[in-house]
Amino acid sequence: MNASMLSHILFSCLLLSVQAEYCGVREIIRYTQRLLDNSSVSCPCRQTAISSCSCLPIPERGHELACFVDGTKRLMENNKSSNPVITRLHLTFQALLDRRLCERLAHGDQCQHKTKGNVKEFLKKILTTYQEIDK
């Protein structure tokens, strides 16, 4: 094995280790903060379909990514005018879940939650989860 092959293998391992810990933290915090600043929805969520307030899953520890995927998908469906920030968040969460990129968030494929919240509560959960990773 020559030196260039060895350096290529070491570089590949380094890339994989960096990629495995990619959580998109700053990007997700920035997008979530932007949505929170623009969100006027603070009404309580109601389980009935008549309510204009979305009821979104507030995940149990270890199921954050799966619930963030489900919640942002529901936000996209409920938002008549497609919001590119919500779409971007959804795609980011989906990629993190599919590729198991962020080791700090356990990867339960199913969203498990005991409570639901409105849009603001859901966004705040995303924000606090990612701010904890950022510390």
N, C-alpha and C. Protein backbone atom coordinates (compact mmCIF):
# COMPACT_ATOMS: atom_id res chain seq x y z
N MET A 1 0.86 -1.18 0.00
CA MET A 1 0.00 0.00 0.00
C MET A 1 0.91 1.24 0.00
N ASN A 2 0.68 2.11 -0.97
CA ASN A 2 1.55 3.29 -1.03
C ASN A 2 0.98 4.44 -0.19
N ALA A 3 1.78 5.49 -0.04
CA ALA A 3 1.43 6.62 0.84
C ALA A 3 0.18 7.34 0.37
N SER A 4 0.00 7.49 -0.94
CA SER A 4 -1.17 8.23 -1.42
C SER A 4 -2.46 7.44 -1.16
N MET A 5 -2.39 6.13 -1.25
CA MET A 5 -3.56 5.31 -0.96
C MET A 5 -3.91 5.39 0.53
N LEU A 6 -2.90 5.33 1.37
CA LEU A 6 -3.10 5.44 2.81
C LEU A 6 -3.71 6.78 3.18
N SER A 7 -3.20 7.85 2.60
CA SER A 7 -3.75 9.18 2.91
C SER A 7 -5.18 9.30 2.41
N HIS A 8 -5.49 8.66 1.27
CA HIS A 8 -6.86 8.68 0.74
C HIS A 8 -7.81 7.95 1.70
N ILE A 9 -7.36 6.80 2.22
CA ILE A 9 -8.19 6.03 3.17
C ILE A 9 -8.42 6.83 4.45
N LEU A 10 -7.36 7.45 4.97
CA LEU A 10 -7.49 8.26 6.19
C LEU A 10 -8.43 9.44 5.97
N PHE A 11 -8.32 10.09 4.81
CA PHE A 11 -9.18 11.22 4.49
C PHE A 11 -10.64 10.76 4.39
N SER A 12 -10.87 9.60 3.78
CA SER A 12 -12.23 9.06 3.65
C SER A 12 -12.83 8.77 5.02
N CYS A 13 -12.01 8.20 5.92
CA CYS A 13 -12.49 7.92 7.28
C CYS A 13 -12.84 9.21 8.01
N LEU A 14 -12.03 10.22 7.84
CA LEU A 14 -12.27 11.52 8.46
C LEU A 14 -13.59 12.11 7.95
N LEU A 15 -13.80 12.05 6.65
CA LEU A 15 -15.04 12.56 6.07
C LEU A 15 -16.25 11.82 6.63
N LEU A 16 -16.14 10.50 6.73
CA LEU A 16 -17.25 9.72 7.25
C LEU A 16 -17.55 10.07 8.71
N SER A 17 -16.51 10.27 9.51
CA SER A 17 -16.76 10.60 10.92
C SER A 17 -17.37 11.98 11.06
N VAL A 18 -16.95 12.92 10.23
CA VAL A 18 -17.54 14.26 10.27
C VAL A 18 -18.99 14.20 9.79
N GLN A 19 -19.22 13.46 8.71
CA GLN A 19 -20.57 13.35 8.16
C GLN A 19 -21.51 12.65 9.14
N ALA A 20 -21.01 11.67 9.87
CA ALA A 20 -21.85 10.92 10.80
C ALA A 20 -22.34 11.79 11.95
N GLU A 21 -21.66 12.87 12.24
CA GLU A 21 -22.05 13.73 13.33
C GLU A 21 -22.73 15.00 12.83
N TYR A 22 -23.06 15.05 11.53
CA TYR A 22 -23.75 16.23 11.01
C TYR A 22 -25.18 16.25 11.50
N CYS A 23 -25.52 17.30 12.22
CA CYS A 23 -26.89 17.43 12.73
C CYS A 23 -27.61 18.63 12.12
N GLY A 24 -26.90 19.44 11.38
CA GLY A 24 -27.53 20.62 10.79
C GLY A 24 -27.96 21.63 11.83
N VAL A 25 -27.27 21.66 12.97
CA VAL A 25 -27.72 22.41 14.14
C VAL A 25 -27.95 23.90 13.84
N ARG A 26 -26.94 24.57 13.35
CA ARG A 26 -27.08 26.03 13.15
C ARG A 26 -28.14 26.36 12.11
N GLU A 27 -28.19 25.57 11.05
CA GLU A 27 -29.18 25.78 9.99
C GLU A 27 -30.59 25.58 10.55
N ILE A 28 -30.78 24.52 11.31
CA ILE A 28 -32.11 24.23 11.87
C ILE A 28 -32.52 25.30 12.89
N ILE A 29 -31.59 25.71 13.73
CA ILE A 29 -31.89 26.78 14.69
C ILE A 29 -32.29 28.06 13.95
N ARG A 30 -31.55 28.41 12.92
CA ARG A 30 -31.84 29.63 12.15
C ARG A 30 -33.22 29.57 11.51
N TYR A 31 -33.53 28.45 10.86
CA TYR A 31 -34.84 28.30 10.20
C TYR A 31 -35.98 28.30 11.22
N THR A 32 -35.79 27.59 12.32
CA THR A 32 -36.84 27.51 13.35
C THR A 32 -37.08 28.88 13.97
N GLN A 33 -36.00 29.61 14.24
CA GLN A 33 -36.13 30.96 14.81
C GLN A 33 -36.91 31.86 13.86
N ARG A 34 -36.61 31.74 12.57
CA ARG A 34 -37.32 32.55 11.57
C ARG A 34 -38.81 32.22 11.58
N LEU A 35 -39.16 30.93 11.66
CA LEU A 35 -40.57 30.54 11.71
C LEU A 35 -41.24 31.04 12.98
N LEU A 36 -40.53 30.95 14.10
CA LEU A 36 -41.10 31.42 15.37
C LEU A 36 -41.34 32.93 15.34
N ASP A 37 -40.42 33.67 14.76
CA ASP A 37 -40.57 35.13 14.66
C ASP A 37 -41.76 35.51 13.79
N ASN A 38 -42.04 34.69 12.78
CA ASN A 38 -43.13 35.00 11.85
C ASN A 38 -44.45 34.33 12.23
N SER A 39 -44.40 33.46 13.24
CA SER A 39 -45.59 32.69 13.58
C SER A 39 -46.50 33.47 14.51
N SER A 40 -47.75 33.56 14.13
CA SER A 40 -48.72 34.23 14.99
C SER A 40 -49.61 33.20 15.67
N VAL A 41 -49.36 31.92 15.40
CA VAL A 41 -50.22 30.87 15.93
C VAL A 41 -49.82 30.54 17.36
N SER A 42 -50.64 30.99 18.30
CA SER A 42 -50.37 30.65 19.69
C SER A 42 -51.62 30.04 20.33
N CYS A 43 -52.65 29.82 19.52
CA CYS A 43 -53.88 29.25 20.07
C CYS A 43 -53.65 27.80 20.48
N PRO A 44 -54.39 27.32 21.47
CA PRO A 44 -54.19 25.94 21.92
C PRO A 44 -54.62 24.96 20.83
N CYS A 45 -53.93 23.86 20.74
CA CYS A 45 -54.33 22.88 19.73
C CYS A 45 -55.53 22.11 20.26
N ARG A 46 -56.41 21.78 19.38
CA ARG A 46 -57.59 20.98 19.73
C ARG A 46 -57.55 19.74 18.85
N GLN A 47 -57.97 18.64 19.41
CA GLN A 47 -57.89 17.38 18.67
C GLN A 47 -58.93 17.31 17.54
N THR A 48 -59.88 18.22 17.53
CA THR A 48 -60.93 18.17 16.52
C THR A 48 -60.41 18.71 15.19
N ALA A 49 -60.94 18.19 14.13
CA ALA A 49 -60.51 18.59 12.79
C ALA A 49 -60.97 20.00 12.43
N ILE A 50 -61.98 20.51 13.15
CA ILE A 50 -62.55 21.82 12.84
C ILE A 50 -61.56 22.94 13.18
N SER A 51 -60.73 22.71 14.18
CA SER A 51 -59.82 23.74 14.66
C SER A 51 -58.83 24.19 13.60
N SER A 52 -58.57 25.48 13.56
CA SER A 52 -57.58 26.00 12.61
C SER A 52 -56.17 25.85 13.18
N CYS A 53 -56.08 25.47 14.44
CA CYS A 53 -54.77 25.29 15.06
C CYS A 53 -54.28 23.86 14.85
N SER A 54 -53.07 23.75 14.38
CA SER A 54 -52.49 22.43 14.17
C SER A 54 -52.10 21.82 15.50
N CYS A 55 -52.39 20.53 15.65
CA CYS A 55 -51.93 19.77 16.81
C CYS A 55 -50.74 18.94 16.35
N LEU A 56 -49.57 19.29 16.85
CA LEU A 56 -48.35 18.64 16.40
C LEU A 56 -47.71 17.86 17.54
N PRO A 57 -47.03 16.76 17.22
CA PRO A 57 -46.45 15.91 18.27
C PRO A 57 -45.29 16.57 18.99
N ILE A 58 -45.32 16.54 20.31
CA ILE A 58 -44.18 16.98 21.12
C ILE A 58 -43.47 15.69 21.52
N PRO A 59 -42.31 15.42 20.93
CA PRO A 59 -41.70 14.10 21.03
C PRO A 59 -41.16 13.74 22.42
N GLU A 60 -41.18 12.44 22.69
CA GLU A 60 -40.48 11.91 23.85
C GLU A 60 -39.01 11.83 23.49
N ARG A 61 -38.15 11.85 24.50
CA ARG A 61 -36.71 11.78 24.26
C ARG A 61 -36.37 10.51 23.47
N GLY A 62 -35.56 10.70 22.44
CA GLY A 62 -35.17 9.58 21.60
C GLY A 62 -36.01 9.43 20.35
N HIS A 63 -37.09 10.20 20.26
CA HIS A 63 -37.97 10.12 19.09
C HIS A 63 -38.10 11.48 18.41
N GLU A 64 -37.16 12.37 18.71
CA GLU A 64 -37.25 13.74 18.21
C GLU A 64 -37.31 13.80 16.68
N LEU A 65 -36.34 13.17 16.02
CA LEU A 65 -36.29 13.30 14.56
C LEU A 65 -37.56 12.79 13.89
N ALA A 66 -38.03 11.61 14.31
CA ALA A 66 -39.24 11.06 13.70
C ALA A 66 -40.44 12.00 13.90
N CYS A 67 -40.54 12.58 15.08
CA CYS A 67 -41.65 13.51 15.35
C CYS A 67 -41.47 14.83 14.60
N PHE A 68 -40.23 15.29 14.46
CA PHE A 68 -39.99 16.52 13.72
C PHE A 68 -40.32 16.32 12.24
N VAL A 69 -40.06 15.12 11.71
CA VAL A 69 -40.44 14.81 10.33
C VAL A 69 -41.95 14.84 10.20
N ASP A 70 -42.65 14.14 11.12
CA ASP A 70 -44.12 14.09 11.07
C ASP A 70 -44.74 15.48 11.22
N GLY A 71 -44.23 16.24 12.19
CA GLY A 71 -44.80 17.56 12.46
C GLY A 71 -44.61 18.54 11.31
N THR A 72 -43.40 18.55 10.73
CA THR A 72 -43.17 19.48 9.61
C THR A 72 -43.95 19.05 8.38
N LYS A 73 -44.15 17.74 8.22
CA LYS A 73 -44.98 17.27 7.10
C LYS A 73 -46.41 17.77 7.28
N ARG A 74 -46.92 17.68 8.50
CA ARG A 74 -48.27 18.16 8.78
C ARG A 74 -48.37 19.67 8.57
N LEU A 75 -47.32 20.39 8.96
CA LEU A 75 -47.30 21.85 8.73
C LEU A 75 -47.36 22.16 7.24
N MET A 76 -46.62 21.40 6.44
CA MET A 76 -46.64 21.63 4.99
C MET A 76 -48.03 21.37 4.42
N GLU A 77 -48.69 20.31 4.90
CA GLU A 77 -50.03 19.98 4.42
C GLU A 77 -51.05 21.02 4.84
N ASN A 78 -50.92 21.56 6.05
CA ASN A 78 -51.88 22.54 6.57
C ASN A 78 -51.66 23.93 6.02
N ASN A 79 -50.45 24.21 5.58
CA ASN A 79 -50.11 25.54 5.09
C ASN A 79 -50.47 25.62 3.62
N LYS A 80 -51.57 26.29 3.34
CA LYS A 80 -52.06 26.35 1.95
C LYS A 80 -51.02 26.93 1.00
N SER A 81 -50.43 28.05 1.39
CA SER A 81 -49.35 28.62 0.58
C SER A 81 -48.06 27.96 1.05
N SER A 82 -47.40 27.26 0.17
CA SER A 82 -46.23 26.49 0.60
C SER A 82 -45.14 27.42 1.12
N ASN A 83 -44.65 27.12 2.30
CA ASN A 83 -43.62 27.91 2.96
C ASN A 83 -42.28 27.23 2.72
N PRO A 84 -41.36 27.88 2.00
CA PRO A 84 -40.08 27.25 1.69
C PRO A 84 -39.24 26.91 2.92
N VAL A 85 -39.42 27.67 4.01
CA VAL A 85 -38.65 27.40 5.23
C VAL A 85 -39.14 26.09 5.88
N ILE A 86 -40.45 25.89 5.91
CA ILE A 86 -41.01 24.65 6.46
C ILE A 86 -40.57 23.47 5.60
N THR A 87 -40.63 23.64 4.28
CA THR A 87 -40.21 22.59 3.36
C THR A 87 -38.75 22.23 3.58
N ARG A 88 -37.91 23.24 3.73
CA ARG A 88 -36.47 23.01 3.94
C ARG A 88 -36.23 22.27 5.26
N LEU A 89 -36.92 22.68 6.32
CA LEU A 89 -36.80 21.99 7.60
C LEU A 89 -37.22 20.52 7.47
N HIS A 90 -38.35 20.30 6.81
CA HIS A 90 -38.86 18.94 6.65
C HIS A 90 -37.85 18.06 5.91
N LEU A 91 -37.31 18.58 4.81
CA LEU A 91 -36.34 17.80 4.02
C LEU A 91 -35.07 17.52 4.82
N THR A 92 -34.64 18.49 5.62
CA THR A 92 -33.45 18.31 6.46
C THR A 92 -33.68 17.23 7.50
N PHE A 93 -34.82 17.30 8.21
CA PHE A 93 -35.13 16.28 9.22
C PHE A 93 -35.24 14.89 8.58
N GLN A 94 -35.88 14.83 7.40
CA GLN A 94 -36.05 13.55 6.72
C GLN A 94 -34.70 12.96 6.34
N ALA A 95 -33.80 13.80 5.83
CA ALA A 95 -32.46 13.32 5.45
C ALA A 95 -31.68 12.85 6.68
N LEU A 96 -31.76 13.60 7.78
CA LEU A 96 -31.07 13.22 9.01
C LEU A 96 -31.58 11.88 9.53
N LEU A 97 -32.89 11.67 9.43
CA LEU A 97 -33.49 10.42 9.90
C LEU A 97 -33.12 9.26 8.98
N ASP A 98 -33.27 9.47 7.67
CA ASP A 98 -32.99 8.41 6.69
C ASP A 98 -31.54 7.96 6.72
N ARG A 99 -30.64 8.92 6.82
CA ARG A 99 -29.21 8.60 6.75
C ARG A 99 -28.57 8.40 8.12
N ARG A 100 -29.39 8.58 9.16
CA ARG A 100 -28.89 8.42 10.54
C ARG A 100 -27.62 9.24 10.77
N LEU A 101 -27.71 10.52 10.38
CA LEU A 101 -26.53 11.38 10.42
C LEU A 101 -26.24 11.97 11.79
N CYS A 102 -27.25 12.25 12.55
CA CYS A 102 -27.03 12.94 13.81
C CYS A 102 -27.10 11.93 14.96
N GLU A 103 -25.94 11.49 15.43
CA GLU A 103 -25.89 10.46 16.46
C GLU A 103 -26.44 10.94 17.80
N ARG A 104 -26.44 12.24 18.02
CA ARG A 104 -26.90 12.76 19.32
C ARG A 104 -28.40 12.63 19.51
N LEU A 105 -29.12 12.51 18.42
CA LEU A 105 -30.57 12.28 18.53
C LEU A 105 -30.80 10.81 18.22
N ALA A 106 -31.34 10.08 19.16
CA ALA A 106 -31.59 8.65 18.94
C ALA A 106 -32.53 8.49 17.75
N HIS A 107 -32.46 7.37 17.13
CA HIS A 107 -33.20 7.21 15.87
C HIS A 107 -34.33 6.21 15.95
N GLY A 108 -35.35 6.55 16.70
CA GLY A 108 -36.56 5.75 16.63
C GLY A 108 -37.27 6.17 15.35
N ASP A 109 -37.62 5.20 14.50
CA ASP A 109 -38.26 5.54 13.23
C ASP A 109 -39.71 5.97 13.40
N GLN A 110 -40.28 5.65 14.55
CA GLN A 110 -41.67 6.02 14.81
C GLN A 110 -41.71 7.19 15.78
N CYS A 111 -42.60 8.12 15.51
CA CYS A 111 -42.77 9.26 16.41
C CYS A 111 -43.57 8.81 17.63
N GLN A 112 -42.96 8.89 18.80
CA GLN A 112 -43.67 8.58 20.04
C GLN A 112 -43.79 9.85 20.86
N HIS A 113 -45.02 10.13 21.27
CA HIS A 113 -45.27 11.35 22.05
C HIS A 113 -46.45 11.10 22.98
N LYS A 114 -46.41 11.78 24.11
CA LYS A 114 -47.53 11.71 25.05
C LYS A 114 -48.40 12.95 24.92
N THR A 115 -47.79 14.03 24.43
CA THR A 115 -48.53 15.28 24.31
C THR A 115 -48.44 15.83 22.90
N LYS A 116 -49.37 16.71 22.62
CA LYS A 116 -49.35 17.45 21.36
C LYS A 116 -49.39 18.93 21.71
N GLY A 117 -48.92 19.74 20.78
CA GLY A 117 -48.92 21.16 21.03
C GLY A 117 -49.24 21.93 19.76
N ASN A 118 -49.41 23.23 19.91
CA ASN A 118 -49.67 24.05 18.73
C ASN A 118 -48.35 24.31 17.99
N VAL A 119 -48.41 25.08 16.93
CA VAL A 119 -47.24 25.32 16.08
C VAL A 119 -46.09 25.93 16.88
N LYS A 120 -46.42 26.94 17.72
CA LYS A 120 -45.36 27.59 18.50
C LYS A 120 -44.67 26.62 19.47
N GLU A 121 -45.47 25.79 20.13
CA GLU A 121 -44.90 24.81 21.07
C GLU A 121 -44.02 23.80 20.34
N PHE A 122 -44.47 23.36 19.17
CA PHE A 122 -43.71 22.41 18.37
C PHE A 122 -42.38 23.03 17.91
N LEU A 123 -42.44 24.26 17.43
CA LEU A 123 -41.22 24.94 16.97
C LEU A 123 -40.26 25.18 18.14
N LYS A 124 -40.81 25.53 19.31
CA LYS A 124 -39.95 25.74 20.49
C LYS A 124 -39.26 24.44 20.90
N LYS A 125 -39.94 23.30 20.74
CA LYS A 125 -39.34 22.00 21.06
C LYS A 125 -38.16 21.72 20.11
N ILE A 126 -38.34 22.03 18.82
CA ILE A 126 -37.25 21.87 17.85
C ILE A 126 -36.08 22.75 18.29
N LEU A 127 -36.38 24.01 18.59
CA LEU A 127 -35.35 24.97 18.97
C LEU A 127 -34.58 24.52 20.22
N THR A 128 -35.28 24.14 21.28
CA THR A 128 -34.59 23.75 22.51
C THR A 128 -33.79 22.46 22.31
N THR A 129 -34.31 21.53 21.52
CA THR A 129 -33.59 20.28 21.25
C THR A 129 -32.26 20.58 20.56
N TYR A 130 -32.28 21.46 19.58
CA TYR A 130 -31.06 21.76 18.82
C TYR A 130 -30.14 22.72 19.56
N GLN A 131 -30.69 23.56 20.42
CA GLN A 131 -29.83 24.41 21.24
C GLN A 131 -29.04 23.57 22.25
N GLU A 132 -29.66 22.48 22.74
CA GLU A 132 -28.95 21.58 23.66
C GLU A 132 -27.78 20.91 22.96
N ILE A 133 -27.97 20.52 21.70
CA ILE A 133 -26.89 19.89 20.92
C ILE A 133 -25.77 20.89 20.69
N ASP A 134 -26.15 22.16 20.49
CA ASP A 134 -25.18 23.20 20.14
C ASP A 134 -24.27 23.57 21.31
N LYS A 135 -24.65 23.22 22.54
CA LYS A 135 -23.86 23.60 23.72
C LYS A 135 -22.53 22.85 23.76
